[in-house]
C-alpha atoms as a PDB file:
ATOM      1  CA  MET A   1     -12.349  10.281  -2.507  1.00  0.00           C
ATOM      2  CA  LYS A   2     -13.094   6.610  -1.988  1.00  0.00           C
ATOM      3  CA  VAL A   3     -10.076   5.038  -0.304  1.00  0.00           C
ATOM      4  CA  PHE A   4      -9.262   1.361   0.012  1.00  0.00           C
ATOM      5  CA  TYR A   5      -6.935   1.052   2.994  1.00  0.00           C
ATOM      6  CA  THR A   6      -5.501  -2.196   4.286  1.00  0.00           C
ATOM      7  CA  THR A   7      -2.371  -3.860   5.611  1.00  0.00           C
ATOM      8  CA  SER A   8      -1.128  -7.340   6.401  1.00  0.00           C
ATOM      9  CA  LEU A   9      -3.196  -9.047   9.077  1.00  0.00           C
ATOM     10  CA  ARG A  10       0.059 -10.403  10.511  1.00  0.00           C
ATOM     11  CA  GLY A  11       1.218  -6.868  11.313  1.00  0.00           C
ATOM     12  CA  VAL A  12      -1.958  -5.674  12.987  1.00  0.00           C
ATOM     13  CA  ASP A  13      -1.231  -7.163  16.410  1.00  0.00           C
ATOM     14  CA  GLY A  14       1.937  -5.171  17.010  1.00  0.00           C
ATOM     15  CA  TYR A  15       0.758  -1.902  15.471  1.00  0.00           C
ATOM     16  CA  ARG A  16      -3.043  -1.939  15.826  1.00  0.00           C
ATOM     17  CA  PRO A  17      -3.341   1.575  17.349  1.00  0.00           C
ATOM     18  CA  VAL A  18      -1.228   3.099  14.561  1.00  0.00           C
ATOM     19  CA  PHE A  19      -3.059   1.235  11.799  1.00  0.00           C
ATOM     20  CA  GLU A  20      -6.469   2.114  13.218  1.00  0.00           C
ATOM     21  CA  ARG A  21      -5.337   5.749  13.493  1.00  0.00           C
ATOM     22  CA  ILE A  22      -4.553   5.781   9.754  1.00  0.00           C
ATOM     23  CA  TYR A  23      -8.068   4.465   9.073  1.00  0.00           C
ATOM     24  CA  LYS A  24      -9.603   7.244  11.194  1.00  0.00           C
ATOM     25  CA  ILE A  25      -7.408   9.948   9.644  1.00  0.00           C
ATOM     26  CA  ILE A  26      -8.616   9.004   6.175  1.00  0.00           C
ATOM     27  CA  GLU A  27     -12.157   9.797   7.313  1.00  0.00           C
ATOM     28  CA  GLU A  28     -11.089  12.907   9.252  1.00  0.00           C
ATOM     29  CA  LEU A  29      -9.627  14.219   5.993  1.00  0.00           C
ATOM     30  CA  GLY A  30     -13.060  13.887   4.378  1.00  0.00           C
ATOM     31  CA  HIS A  31     -12.529  10.647   2.461  1.00  0.00           C
ATOM     32  CA  THR A  32     -14.537   7.419   2.561  1.00  0.00           C
ATOM     33  CA  ASN A  33     -12.996   4.104   3.636  1.00  0.00           C
ATOM     34  CA  LEU A  34     -14.284   1.230   1.530  1.00  0.00           C
ATOM     35  CA  ASP A  35     -13.454  -1.672   3.848  1.00  0.00           C
ATOM     36  CA  LYS A  36     -12.839  -2.312   7.537  1.00  0.00           C
ATOM     37  CA  VAL A  37     -12.429  -6.089   7.506  1.00  0.00           C
ATOM     38  CA  LEU A  38      -8.911  -5.768   8.863  1.00  0.00           C
ATOM     39  CA  PHE A  39     -10.107  -4.489  12.219  1.00  0.00           C
ATOM     40  CA  ASN A  40     -13.125  -6.798  12.495  1.00  0.00           C
ATOM     41  CA  ILE A  41     -11.220 -10.097  12.516  1.00  0.00           C
ATOM     42  CA  PRO A  42     -11.115 -11.370  16.111  1.00  0.00           C
ATOM     43  CA  ASP A  43      -9.062 -14.495  15.389  1.00  0.00           C
ATOM     44  CA  LYS A  44      -6.385 -14.220  12.698  1.00  0.00           C
ATOM     45  CA  ASP A  45      -5.522 -17.922  12.913  1.00  0.00           C
ATOM     46  CA  GLY A  46      -9.171 -18.747  12.259  1.00  0.00           C
ATOM     47  CA  PHE A  47      -9.184 -16.279   9.383  1.00  0.00           C
ATOM     48  CA  TYR A  48      -6.255 -18.008   7.675  1.00  0.00           C
ATOM     49  CA  LYS A  49      -7.867 -21.420   8.248  1.00  0.00           C
ATOM     50  CA  GLY A  50     -11.217 -20.305   6.807  1.00  0.00           C
ATOM     51  CA  SER A  51     -13.181 -22.329   4.298  1.00  0.00           C
ATOM     52  CA  HIS A  52     -12.566 -22.125   0.574  1.00  0.00           C
ATOM     53  CA  SER A  53     -15.740 -20.103   0.043  1.00  0.00           C
ATOM     54  CA  GLU A  54     -14.659 -17.637   2.752  1.00  0.00           C
ATOM     55  CA  LYS A  55     -11.307 -17.193   0.989  1.00  0.00           C
ATOM     56  CA  VAL A  56     -13.030 -16.694  -2.372  1.00  0.00           C
ATOM     57  CA  ASN A  57     -15.388 -14.119  -0.865  1.00  0.00           C
ATOM     58  CA  HIS A  58     -12.483 -12.280   0.785  1.00  0.00           C
ATOM     59  CA  TYR A  59     -10.555 -12.184  -2.515  1.00  0.00           C
ATOM     60  CA  LYS A  60     -13.601 -10.897  -4.417  1.00  0.00           C
ATOM     61  CA  ARG A  61     -14.235  -8.223  -1.784  1.00  0.00           C
ATOM     62  CA  MET A  62     -10.611  -7.029  -1.974  1.00  0.00           C
ATOM     63  CA  MET A  63     -10.715  -6.889  -5.800  1.00  0.00           C
ATOM     64  CA  ASN A  64     -14.014  -5.010  -5.691  1.00  0.00           C
ATOM     65  CA  CYS A  65     -12.549  -2.511  -3.221  1.00  0.00           C
ATOM     66  CA  ILE A  66      -9.606  -1.862  -5.543  1.00  0.00           C
ATOM     67  CA  LYS A  67     -11.879  -1.400  -8.560  1.00  0.00           C
ATOM     68  CA  THR A  68     -14.189   0.960  -6.635  1.00  0.00           C
ATOM     69  CA  ALA A  69     -11.419   3.001  -4.998  1.00  0.00           C
ATOM     70  CA  ASP A  70     -10.135   6.331  -6.237  1.00  0.00           C
ATOM     71  CA  VAL A  71      -6.891   5.660  -4.359  1.00  0.00           C
ATOM     72  CA  VAL A  72      -5.397   2.643  -2.558  1.00  0.00           C
ATOM     73  CA  VAL A  73      -3.526   3.146   0.725  1.00  0.00           C
ATOM     74  CA  LEU A  74      -1.433   0.210   1.930  1.00  0.00           C
ATOM     75  CA  GLU A  75       0.523   0.049   5.160  1.00  0.00           C
ATOM     76  CA  VAL A  76       3.556  -2.017   4.098  1.00  0.00           C
ATOM     77  CA  SER A  77       5.681  -2.147   7.263  1.00  0.00           C
ATOM     78  CA  THR A  78       5.004  -5.894   7.558  1.00  0.00           C
ATOM     79  CA  HIS A  79       6.345  -7.948   4.661  1.00  0.00           C
ATOM     80  CA  SER A  80       3.456  -9.634   2.888  1.00  0.00           C
ATOM     81  CA  LEU A  81       2.981 -11.290  -0.493  1.00  0.00           C
ATOM     82  CA  SER A  82      -0.735 -10.526  -0.293  1.00  0.00           C
ATOM     83  CA  ILE A  83      -0.134  -6.805   0.157  1.00  0.00           C
ATOM     84  CA  GLY A  84       2.389  -6.892  -2.680  1.00  0.00           C
ATOM     85  CA  PHE A  85      -0.229  -8.534  -4.881  1.00  0.00           C
ATOM     86  CA  LEU A  86      -2.837  -5.909  -3.943  1.00  0.00           C
ATOM     87  CA  LEU A  87      -0.317  -3.155  -4.691  1.00  0.00           C
ATOM     88  CA  GLN A  88       0.527  -4.583  -8.125  1.00  0.00           C
ATOM     89  CA  LYS A  89      -3.125  -5.229  -8.989  1.00  0.00           C
ATOM     90  CA  SER A  90      -4.018  -1.660  -8.003  1.00  0.00           C
ATOM     91  CA  LEU A  91      -1.322  -0.235 -10.278  1.00  0.00           C
ATOM     92  CA  GLU A  92      -2.410  -2.529 -13.132  1.00  0.00           C
ATOM     93  CA  LEU A  93      -5.894  -1.078 -12.804  1.00  0.00           C
ATOM     94  CA  GLY A  94      -4.501   2.460 -12.946  1.00  0.00           C
ATOM     95  CA  LYS A  95      -5.150   3.318  -9.303  1.00  0.00           C
ATOM     96  CA  PRO A  96      -2.864   5.710  -7.429  1.00  0.00           C
ATOM     97  CA  VAL A  97      -1.217   3.795  -4.575  1.00  0.00           C
ATOM     98  CA  ILE A  98       0.218   5.146  -1.330  1.00  0.00           C
ATOM     99  CA  ALA A  99       2.520   2.629   0.371  1.00  0.00           C
ATOM    100  CA  LEU A 100       3.134   3.784   3.940  1.00  0.00           C
ATOM    101  CA  HIS A 101       5.788   2.354   6.219  1.00  0.00           C
ATOM    102  CA  LEU A 102       7.210   3.040   9.650  1.00  0.00           C
ATOM    103  CA  PRO A 103      10.867   4.049  10.111  1.00  0.00           C
ATOM    104  CA  LYS A 104      13.284   1.132   9.814  1.00  0.00           C
ATOM    105  CA  ARG A 105      10.467  -0.947   8.268  1.00  0.00           C
ATOM    106  CA  SER A 106      11.143  -0.044   4.637  1.00  0.00           C
ATOM    107  CA  PRO A 107       9.676  -2.538   2.143  1.00  0.00           C
ATOM    108  CA  PHE A 108      12.785  -3.725   0.315  1.00  0.00           C
ATOM    109  CA  PHE A 109      11.161  -5.160  -2.809  1.00  0.00           C
ATOM    110  CA  ILE A 110       8.598  -2.384  -3.233  1.00  0.00           C
ATOM    111  CA  GLN A 111      11.405   0.206  -3.039  1.00  0.00           C
ATOM    112  CA  GLY A 112      12.617  -1.151  -6.382  1.00  0.00           C
ATOM    113  CA  MET A 113       9.338  -0.404  -8.144  1.00  0.00           C
ATOM    114  CA  GLU A 114       9.180   2.639 -10.373  1.00  0.00           C
ATOM    115  CA  HIS A 115       5.673   3.783 -11.259  1.00  0.00           C
ATOM    116  CA  ASP A 116       4.253   7.273 -11.609  1.00  0.00           C
ATOM    117  CA  LYS A 117       1.163   6.340  -9.560  1.00  0.00           C
ATOM    118  CA  LEU A 118       3.117   4.820  -6.657  1.00  0.00           C
ATOM    119  CA  GLN A 119       4.170   6.816  -3.603  1.00  0.00           C
ATOM    120  CA  ILE A 120       6.339   5.009  -1.051  1.00  0.00           C
ATOM    121  CA  ILE A 121       6.320   7.081   2.104  1.00  0.00           C
ATOM    122  CA  GLU A 122       7.971   6.667   5.484  1.00  0.00           C
ATOM    123  CA  TYR A 123       5.911   8.195   8.265  1.00  0.00           C
ATOM    124  CA  GLN A 124       6.346   9.059  11.916  1.00  0.00           C
ATOM    125  CA  GLU A 125       3.467   8.138  14.215  1.00  0.00           C
ATOM    126  CA  GLY A 126       3.101  11.734  15.422  1.00  0.00           C
ATOM    127  CA  GLU A 127       3.058  13.201  11.906  1.00  0.00           C
ATOM    128  CA  ILE A 128       0.851  10.702  10.100  1.00  0.00           C
ATOM    129  CA  LYS A 129      -2.052  13.112   9.538  1.00  0.00           C
ATOM    130  CA  GLN A 130       0.076  15.691   7.708  1.00  0.00           C
ATOM    131  CA  THR A 131       1.937  12.972   5.781  1.00  0.00           C
ATOM    132  CA  LEU A 132      -1.253  11.237   4.705  1.00  0.00           C
ATOM    133  CA  ALA A 133      -3.032  14.494   3.800  1.00  0.00           C
ATOM    134  CA  SER A 134      -0.171  15.467   1.511  1.00  0.00           C
ATOM    135  CA  ALA A 135       0.005  11.997  -0.075  1.00  0.00           C
ATOM    136  CA  LEU A 136      -3.753  11.881  -0.684  1.00  0.00           C
ATOM    137  CA  ASP A 137      -3.685  15.354  -2.280  1.00  0.00           C
ATOM    138  CA  TYR A 138      -0.897  14.231  -4.596  1.00  0.00           C
ATOM    139  CA  ALA A 139      -2.738  10.983  -5.424  1.00  0.00           C
ATOM    140  CA  GLN A 140      -5.915  12.880  -6.223  1.00  0.00           C
ATOM    141  CA  GLY A 141      -3.976  14.983  -8.706  1.00  0.00           C
ATOM    142  CA  SER A 142      -2.552  11.889 -10.408  1.00  0.00           C
ATOM    143  CA  SER A 143      -5.867  10.090 -10.841  1.00  0.00           C
ATOM    144  CA  ASP A 144      -6.718   8.927 -14.311  1.00  0.00           C
ATOM    145  CA  VAL A 145      -8.763  11.148 -16.573  1.00  0.00           C
ATOM    146  CA  ARG A 146     -11.976   9.440 -17.583  1.00  0.00           C
ATOM    147  CA  PHE A 147     -12.370   9.136 -21.338  1.00  0.00           C
ATOM    148  CA  ASN A 148     -15.516   7.635 -22.851  1.00  0.00           C
ATOM    149  CA  PHE A 149     -16.070   6.834 -26.512  1.00  0.00           C
ATOM    150  CA  PHE A 150     -18.268   4.673 -28.685  1.00  0.00           C
ATOM    151  CA  ILE A 151     -17.004   1.469 -30.289  1.00  0.00           C
ATOM    152  CA  SER A 152     -18.486  -0.904 -32.830  1.00  0.00           C
ATOM    153  CA  PRO A 153     -20.020  -4.180 -31.647  1.00  0.00           C
ATOM    154  CA  SER A 154     -17.147  -6.124 -33.247  1.00  0.00           C
ATOM    155  CA  ILE A 155     -14.557  -4.117 -31.257  1.00  0.00           C
ATOM    156  CA  GLY A 156     -16.627  -4.668 -28.126  1.00  0.00           C
ATOM    157  CA  THR A 157     -16.695  -8.400 -28.791  1.00  0.00           C
ATOM    158  CA  TYR A 158     -12.931  -8.427 -29.294  1.00  0.00           C
ATOM    159  CA  LEU A 159     -12.318  -6.482 -26.066  1.00  0.00           C
ATOM    160  CA  ASP A 160     -14.594  -8.905 -24.201  1.00  0.00           C
ATOM    161  CA  TRP A 161     -12.588 -11.814 -25.660  1.00  0.00           C
ATOM    162  CA  ILE A 162      -9.292 -10.178 -24.577  1.00  0.00           C
ATOM    163  CA  SER A 163     -10.657  -9.620 -21.087  1.00  0.00           C
ATOM    164  CA  LYS A 164     -11.908 -13.189 -20.713  1.00  0.00           C
ATOM    165  CA  ASN A 165      -9.017 -15.053 -22.347  1.00  0.00           C
ATOM    166  CA  LYS A 166      -6.051 -12.864 -21.456  1.00  0.00           C
ATOM    167  CA  LYS A 167      -7.395 -11.900 -18.018  1.00  0.00           C
ATOM    168  CA  ILE A 168      -6.733  -8.219 -18.783  1.00  0.00           C
ATOM    169  CA  PRO A 169      -9.407  -5.575 -18.138  1.00  0.00           C
ATOM    170  CA  ARG A 170     -10.535  -3.879 -21.327  1.00  0.00           C
ATOM    171  CA  SER A 171      -9.395  -0.445 -20.147  1.00  0.00           C
ATOM    172  CA  VAL A 172      -5.935  -1.776 -19.246  1.00  0.00           C
ATOM    173  CA  PHE A 173      -5.587  -3.387 -22.687  1.00  0.00           C
ATOM    174  CA  LEU A 174      -6.543  -0.130 -24.449  1.00  0.00           C
ATOM    175  CA  ARG A 175      -4.286   1.926 -22.193  1.00  0.00           C
ATOM    176  CA  ASP A 176      -1.366  -0.421 -22.960  1.00  0.00           C
ATOM    177  CA  LEU A 177      -1.962  -0.083 -26.721  1.00  0.00           C
ATOM    178  CA  ILE A 178      -1.892   3.696 -26.463  1.00  0.00           C
ATOM    179  CA  GLN A 179       1.188   3.611 -24.219  1.00  0.00           C
ATOM    180  CA  LYS A 180       3.064   1.419 -26.722  1.00  0.00           C
ATOM    181  CA  ASP A 181       2.143   3.767 -29.551  1.00  0.00           C
ATOM    182  CA  MET A 182       3.325   6.783 -27.526  1.00  0.00           C
ATOM    183  CA  GLU A 183       6.662   5.073 -26.865  1.00  0.00           C
ATOM    184  CA  SER A 184       7.223   4.237 -30.534  1.00  0.00           C
ATOM    185  CA  ASN A 185       5.940   7.511 -32.021  1.00  0.00           C
ATOM    186  CA  LEU A 186       9.073   9.543 -32.793  1.00  0.00           C
ATOM    187  CA  GLU A 187       7.098  12.581 -33.921  1.00  0.00           C
ATOM    188  CA  TYR A 188       5.331  12.726 -30.546  1.00  0.00           C
ATOM    189  CA  GLN A 189       8.583  12.222 -28.615  1.00  0.00           C
ATOM    190  CA  GLN A 190      10.364  15.031 -30.484  1.00  0.00           C
ATOM    191  CA  GLY A 191       7.481  17.453 -30.332  1.00  0.00           C
END
């Protein structure tokens, strides 16, 4: 699987060996990491003070990684609004998300989220390979089923309009329509 793995840059200094180990384990388990920017930033203060175009490019790269990934793995031991945003965006796009945290570093706000594609997992440094292997296997089983169909040009135009004006991907909009119908369909619920 293609895995997008990242964590808060603020947390890297104190836990770099652990976070880099997670990156390596993903590859040892036969998966492909989509991004390594986290470990290639020599000066985090300089990173945060980067130019506007650098920030735009970083944002676009992160969004592209999420869209390309089969699963998103986030190390959430360090509180971060950016990581929370990436987690929410990943779920909105239907990606399975594994939120890993060290003992006594539980992400308070994320613990309140309930989503069938979200795994929040505490790990021990010495058991991370087994923990991650199990989580990735589970995530692979919960991946979306691809469903292609033909639509008329007018429906395509409407979906493009929704995407542009409502800032909702076409697939997310269609998935939400189906989900709402499932929730209101009494015959389906009873059957």
